[in-house]
C-alpha atoms as a PDB file:
ATOM      1  CA  GLY A   1      84.661 175.214 114.014  1.00  0.00           C
ATOM      2  CA  SER A   2      87.372 176.964 115.918  1.00  0.00           C
ATOM      3  CA  SER A   3      90.197 179.206 114.759  1.00  0.00           C
ATOM      4  CA  LEU A   4      93.623 180.365 115.896  1.00  0.00           C
ATOM      5  CA  GLY A   5      95.145 183.509 114.429  1.00  0.00           C
ATOM      6  CA  VAL A   6      98.793 184.175 115.307  1.00  0.00           C
ATOM      7  CA  CYS A   7     100.607 187.484 114.631  1.00  0.00           C
ATOM      8  CA  ASN A   8      99.390 188.606 111.183  1.00  0.00           C
ATOM      9  CA  GLY A   9      96.518 186.121 111.615  1.00  0.00           C
ATOM     10  CA  CYS A  10      95.670 187.905 114.870  1.00  0.00           C
ATOM     11  CA  GLN A  11      95.562 191.227 113.040  1.00  0.00           C
ATOM     12  CA  LEU A  12      93.345 189.730 110.334  1.00  0.00           C
ATOM     13  CA  MET A  13      90.908 188.144 112.810  1.00  0.00           C
ATOM     14  CA  ALA A  14      90.515 191.513 114.527  1.00  0.00           C
ATOM     15  CA  LEU A  15      89.962 193.323 111.216  1.00  0.00           C
ATOM     16  CA  LEU A  16      87.379 190.692 110.205  1.00  0.00           C
ATOM     17  CA  GLY A  17      85.566 191.272 113.507  1.00  0.00           C
ATOM     18  CA  TRP A  18      85.905 187.645 114.700  1.00  0.00           C
ATOM     19  CA  VAL A  19      87.377 188.915 117.968  1.00  0.00           C
ATOM     20  CA  PRO A  20      85.981 190.092 120.268  1.00  0.00           C
ATOM     21  CA  GLY A  21      82.733 190.016 118.252  1.00  0.00           C
ATOM     22  CA  GLY A  22      79.627 192.102 118.766  1.00  0.00           C
ATOM     23  CA  GLY A  23      78.710 190.625 122.128  1.00  0.00           C
ATOM     24  CA  ALA A  24      75.493 189.312 123.601  1.00  0.00           C
ATOM     25  CA  GLY A  25      72.585 191.655 123.082  1.00  0.00           C
ATOM     26  CA  ALA A  26      74.728 193.884 120.868  1.00  0.00           C
ATOM     27  CA  ALA A  27      74.669 194.194 117.114  1.00  0.00           C
ATOM     28  CA  ALA A  28      76.130 191.110 115.412  1.00  0.00           C
ATOM     29  CA  GLU A  29      79.123 193.117 114.257  1.00  0.00           C
ATOM     30  CA  LEU A  30      81.015 196.115 115.540  1.00  0.00           C
ATOM     31  CA  SER A  31      81.366 199.057 113.202  1.00  0.00           C
ATOM     32  CA  GLY A  32      84.812 199.750 111.763  1.00  0.00           C
ATOM     33  CA  ALA A  33      85.073 202.704 114.124  1.00  0.00           C
ATOM     34  CA  GLN A  34      84.482 200.420 117.135  1.00  0.00           C
ATOM     35  CA  GLN A  35      86.532 197.382 116.090  1.00  0.00           C
ATOM     36  CA  PRO A  36      89.715 196.742 118.100  1.00  0.00           C
ATOM     37  CA  ARG A  37      92.835 196.273 115.989  1.00  0.00           C
ATOM     38  CA  PHE A  38      96.558 195.730 116.369  1.00  0.00           C
ATOM     39  CA  VAL A  39      98.669 198.730 115.387  1.00  0.00           C
ATOM     40  CA  HIS A  40     102.298 199.932 115.380  1.00  0.00           C
ATOM     41  CA  ASN A  41     104.346 199.167 118.492  1.00  0.00           C
ATOM     42  CA  THR A  42     104.882 202.113 120.821  1.00  0.00           C
ATOM     43  CA  SER A  43     108.650 201.685 120.299  1.00  0.00           C
ATOM     44  CA  GLY A  44     108.213 202.308 116.567  1.00  0.00           C
ATOM     45  CA  ARG A  45     110.376 199.230 115.942  1.00  0.00           C
ATOM     46  CA  PHE A  46     109.967 195.585 115.008  1.00  0.00           C
ATOM     47  CA  GLU A  47     110.269 193.699 118.304  1.00  0.00           C
ATOM     48  CA  SER A  48     111.595 190.141 118.358  1.00  0.00           C
ATOM     49  CA  ARG A  49     112.309 188.415 121.662  1.00  0.00           C
ATOM     50  CA  PHE A  50     111.275 185.718 124.099  1.00  0.00           C
ATOM     51  CA  SER A  51     108.633 187.423 126.270  1.00  0.00           C
ATOM     52  CA  SER A  52     106.472 186.233 129.134  1.00  0.00           C
ATOM     53  CA  VAL A  53     102.692 186.077 129.204  1.00  0.00           C
ATOM     54  CA  LYS A  54     100.123 185.044 131.782  1.00  0.00           C
ATOM     55  CA  VAL A  55      97.071 182.986 130.779  1.00  0.00           C
ATOM     56  CA  LEU A  56      93.959 184.465 132.388  1.00  0.00           C
ATOM     57  CA  PRO A  57      90.568 182.773 132.778  1.00  0.00           C
ATOM     58  CA  SER A  58      88.522 183.232 129.603  1.00  0.00           C
ATOM     59  CA  PRO A  59      86.069 181.406 127.372  1.00  0.00           C
ATOM     60  CA  ALA A  60      88.925 180.515 124.927  1.00  0.00           C
ATOM     61  CA  VAL A  61      88.672 176.764 124.246  1.00  0.00           C
ATOM     62  CA  LEU A  62      92.284 176.595 123.052  1.00  0.00           C
ATOM     63  CA  LEU A  63      93.565 177.819 126.438  1.00  0.00           C
ATOM     64  CA  LYS A  64      91.509 175.467 128.661  1.00  0.00           C
ATOM     65  CA  GLY A  65      93.552 174.072 131.520  1.00  0.00           C
ATOM     66  CA  MET A  66      96.285 176.669 131.025  1.00  0.00           C
ATOM     67  CA  GLU A  67      94.709 179.394 133.187  1.00  0.00           C
ATOM     68  CA  GLY A  68      97.078 180.814 135.790  1.00  0.00           C
ATOM     69  CA  SER A  69     100.200 179.785 133.865  1.00  0.00           C
ATOM     70  CA  SER A  70     102.994 182.279 133.254  1.00  0.00           C
ATOM     71  CA  LEU A  71     104.875 181.142 130.170  1.00  0.00           C
ATOM     72  CA  GLY A  72     107.627 182.311 127.895  1.00  0.00           C
ATOM     73  CA  VAL A  73     106.688 182.764 124.242  1.00  0.00           C
ATOM     74  CA  TRP A  74     108.350 184.190 121.139  1.00  0.00           C
ATOM     75  CA  VAL A  75     107.177 187.554 119.810  1.00  0.00           C
ATOM     76  CA  ALA A  76     108.115 188.968 116.415  1.00  0.00           C
ATOM     77  CA  HIS A  77     106.030 191.911 115.233  1.00  0.00           C
ATOM     78  CA  GLY A  78     106.116 195.566 114.346  1.00  0.00           C
ATOM     79  CA  GLU A  79     102.367 196.090 114.729  1.00  0.00           C
ATOM     80  CA  GLY A  80     101.217 194.264 117.842  1.00  0.00           C
ATOM     81  CA  ARG A  81      99.770 196.963 120.105  1.00  0.00           C
ATOM     82  CA  ALA A  82      96.123 196.319 120.918  1.00  0.00           C
ATOM     83  CA  HIS A  83      94.146 199.461 120.076  1.00  0.00           C
ATOM     84  CA  PHE A  84      90.572 200.004 121.214  1.00  0.00           C
ATOM     85  CA  PRO A  85      88.996 202.974 119.436  1.00  0.00           C
ATOM     86  CA  ASP A  86      85.772 202.535 121.461  1.00  0.00           C
ATOM     87  CA  GLU A  87      86.030 202.687 125.279  1.00  0.00           C
ATOM     88  CA  ALA A  88      82.772 200.708 125.705  1.00  0.00           C
ATOM     89  CA  VAL A  89      84.200 197.823 123.669  1.00  0.00           C
ATOM     90  CA  PHE A  90      87.415 197.959 125.739  1.00  0.00           C
ATOM     91  CA  GLN A  91      85.375 197.762 128.954  1.00  0.00           C
ATOM     92  CA  ARG A  92      83.304 194.821 127.613  1.00  0.00           C
ATOM     93  CA  VAL A  93      86.500 192.962 126.667  1.00  0.00           C
ATOM     94  CA  GLN A  94      87.769 193.413 130.235  1.00  0.00           C
ATOM     95  CA  LEU A  95      84.487 192.463 131.955  1.00  0.00           C
ATOM     96  CA  ALA A  96      83.836 189.415 129.741  1.00  0.00           C
ATOM     97  CA  ASN A  97      87.443 188.137 130.070  1.00  0.00           C
ATOM     98  CA  LEU A  98      88.026 188.326 126.306  1.00  0.00           C
ATOM     99  CA  ALA A  99      91.740 189.259 126.601  1.00  0.00           C
ATOM    100  CA  PRO A 100      93.124 185.909 127.818  1.00  0.00           C
ATOM    101  CA  LEU A 101      96.873 186.530 127.408  1.00  0.00           C
ATOM    102  CA  ARG A 102      98.730 189.403 129.065  1.00  0.00           C
ATOM    103  CA  TYR A 103     102.381 190.374 128.940  1.00  0.00           C
ATOM    104  CA  VAL A 104     103.977 190.086 132.370  1.00  0.00           C
ATOM    105  CA  ASP A 105     107.186 191.227 134.041  1.00  0.00           C
ATOM    106  CA  ASP A 106     109.724 189.092 135.912  1.00  0.00           C
ATOM    107  CA  LYS A 107     107.345 188.927 138.919  1.00  0.00           C
ATOM    108  CA  ALA A 108     104.544 187.559 136.673  1.00  0.00           C
ATOM    109  CA  GLU A 109     102.603 190.821 137.089  1.00  0.00           C
ATOM    110  CA  VAL A 110     100.657 192.178 134.101  1.00  0.00           C
ATOM    111  CA  THR A 111     102.610 195.113 132.683  1.00  0.00           C
ATOM    112  CA  GLU A 112     102.636 197.894 130.147  1.00  0.00           C
ATOM    113  CA  ALA A 113     106.362 198.487 130.813  1.00  0.00           C
ATOM    114  CA  TYR A 114     108.820 198.035 127.950  1.00  0.00           C
ATOM    115  CA  PRO A 115     110.522 195.675 127.150  1.00  0.00           C
ATOM    116  CA  PHE A 116     108.369 193.164 129.097  1.00  0.00           C
ATOM    117  CA  ASN A 117     105.407 194.413 127.076  1.00  0.00           C
ATOM    118  CA  PRO A 118     107.018 194.574 123.620  1.00  0.00           C
ATOM    119  CA  ASN A 119     104.356 196.697 121.932  1.00  0.00           C
ATOM    120  CA  GLY A 120     102.723 198.956 124.538  1.00  0.00           C
ATOM    121  CA  SER A 121      99.335 197.193 124.605  1.00  0.00           C
ATOM    122  CA  PRO A 122      97.024 198.531 127.329  1.00  0.00           C
ATOM    123  CA  HIS A 123      96.763 196.195 130.341  1.00  0.00           C
ATOM    124  CA  GLY A 124      99.429 194.021 128.665  1.00  0.00           C
ATOM    125  CA  ILE A 125      96.892 192.575 126.213  1.00  0.00           C
ATOM    126  CA  ALA A 126      98.539 189.977 123.947  1.00  0.00           C
ATOM    127  CA  ALA A 127      95.390 188.230 122.662  1.00  0.00           C
ATOM    128  CA  LEU A 128      91.643 188.535 122.150  1.00  0.00           C
ATOM    129  CA  CYS A 129      89.019 185.811 121.984  1.00  0.00           C
ATOM    130  CA  SER A 130      85.373 185.616 121.005  1.00  0.00           C
ATOM    131  CA  GLU A 131      82.658 185.363 123.673  1.00  0.00           C
ATOM    132  CA  ASP A 132      81.869 181.779 122.636  1.00  0.00           C
ATOM    133  CA  GLY A 133      85.590 180.963 123.013  1.00  0.00           C
ATOM    134  CA  ARG A 134      85.895 179.424 119.546  1.00  0.00           C
ATOM    135  CA  HIS A 135      88.150 182.115 118.064  1.00  0.00           C
ATOM    136  CA  LEU A 136      91.526 183.026 119.568  1.00  0.00           C
ATOM    137  CA  ALA A 137      93.711 185.766 118.106  1.00  0.00           C
ATOM    138  CA  MET A 138      97.156 186.175 119.675  1.00  0.00           C
ATOM    139  CA  MET A 139     100.226 188.206 118.756  1.00  0.00           C
ATOM    140  CA  PRO A 140     102.871 185.900 120.315  1.00  0.00           C
ATOM    141  CA  HIS A 141     103.950 182.716 118.501  1.00  0.00           C
ATOM    142  CA  PRO A 142     103.100 179.509 120.446  1.00  0.00           C
ATOM    143  CA  GLU A 143     103.965 177.430 117.356  1.00  0.00           C
ATOM    144  CA  ARG A 144     107.581 178.565 117.799  1.00  0.00           C
ATOM    145  CA  CYS A 145     107.959 177.126 121.302  1.00  0.00           C
ATOM    146  CA  PHE A 146     105.849 174.000 121.765  1.00  0.00           C
ATOM    147  CA  GLN A 147     108.989 171.824 121.778  1.00  0.00           C
ATOM    148  CA  THR A 148     111.492 172.153 124.615  1.00  0.00           C
ATOM    149  CA  TRP A 149     114.475 172.773 122.311  1.00  0.00           C
ATOM    150  CA  GLN A 150     112.723 175.930 121.046  1.00  0.00           C
ATOM    151  CA  TRP A 151     113.001 177.578 124.478  1.00  0.00           C
ATOM    152  CA  PRO A 152     116.086 179.701 125.235  1.00  0.00           C
ATOM    153  CA  TRP A 153     115.617 178.959 128.955  1.00  0.00           C
ATOM    154  CA  MET A 154     113.438 176.681 131.092  1.00  0.00           C
ATOM    155  CA  PRO A 155     113.273 176.178 134.860  1.00  0.00           C
ATOM    156  CA  ASN A 156     115.343 173.221 136.116  1.00  0.00           C
ATOM    157  CA  GLU A 157     112.191 171.425 137.285  1.00  0.00           C
ATOM    158  CA  TRP A 158     111.101 171.199 133.615  1.00  0.00           C
ATOM    159  CA  ASP A 159     114.164 169.094 132.681  1.00  0.00           C
ATOM    160  CA  GLY A 160     112.133 165.913 132.129  1.00  0.00           C
ATOM    161  CA  LEU A 161     109.466 167.471 129.906  1.00  0.00           C
ATOM    162  CA  LYS A 162     109.033 165.814 126.511  1.00  0.00           C
ATOM    163  CA  ALA A 163     107.259 168.913 125.100  1.00  0.00           C
ATOM    164  CA  GLY A 164     106.840 172.571 125.973  1.00  0.00           C
ATOM    165  CA  PRO A 165     103.679 173.748 127.740  1.00  0.00           C
ATOM    166  CA  TRP A 166     102.319 175.475 124.605  1.00  0.00           C
ATOM    167  CA  LEU A 167     101.654 172.015 123.157  1.00  0.00           C
ATOM    168  CA  ARG A 168      98.510 172.058 125.354  1.00  0.00           C
ATOM    169  CA  LEU A 169      97.004 174.794 123.119  1.00  0.00           C
ATOM    170  CA  PHE A 170      97.305 172.520 120.072  1.00  0.00           C
ATOM    171  CA  GLN A 171      96.069 169.477 122.001  1.00  0.00           C
ATOM    172  CA  ASN A 172      93.017 171.539 123.028  1.00  0.00           C
ATOM    173  CA  ALA A 173      92.435 172.356 119.352  1.00  0.00           C
ATOM    174  CA  GLN A 174      92.577 168.650 118.479  1.00  0.00           C
ATOM    175  CA  ARG A 175      90.146 167.759 121.285  1.00  0.00           C
ATOM    176  CA  PHE A 176      87.738 170.492 120.154  1.00  0.00           C
ATOM    177  CA  CYS A 177      87.820 169.239 116.551  1.00  0.00           C
ATOM    178  CA  GLU A 178      87.261 165.622 117.645  1.00  0.00           C
ATOM    179  CA  LYS A 179      84.063 166.547 119.541  1.00  0.00           C
END
């Protein structure tokens, strides 16, 4: 199977060790001291806004065909900052492309700057996935903006769209389940 954890589900998937996982050649599970988690925002506040993320290449099956996109998405969390207690795990996540969504600024550049990055995550990390790509944990809410009327703003060239671009994530999930 495959799984998607959004917001609190993202936090839970990290605590369960589903993302990023132990890694090839590593122990099957990370210790609690090594396991990445999502903790209090740097601002100390609940952050709720339409933010922008970039989809990076990764093994995540739910994001296939979306790589390179910069998309708006709703965020609503008080504890969304990616925290990596173990530097080696952080480096593996970077090298294996296991952080597929990054907060970006108005130039679509990955950022740690507030308010573009609503929680202060290092390298703008907004999601983690497993090495096999079957598990995706993300803090932003794609289920809140897969229809065009859910977007506060869209480029004029999107006027004819029947659905928002986040629908692709759910279509990918359907395709994966039908295999």
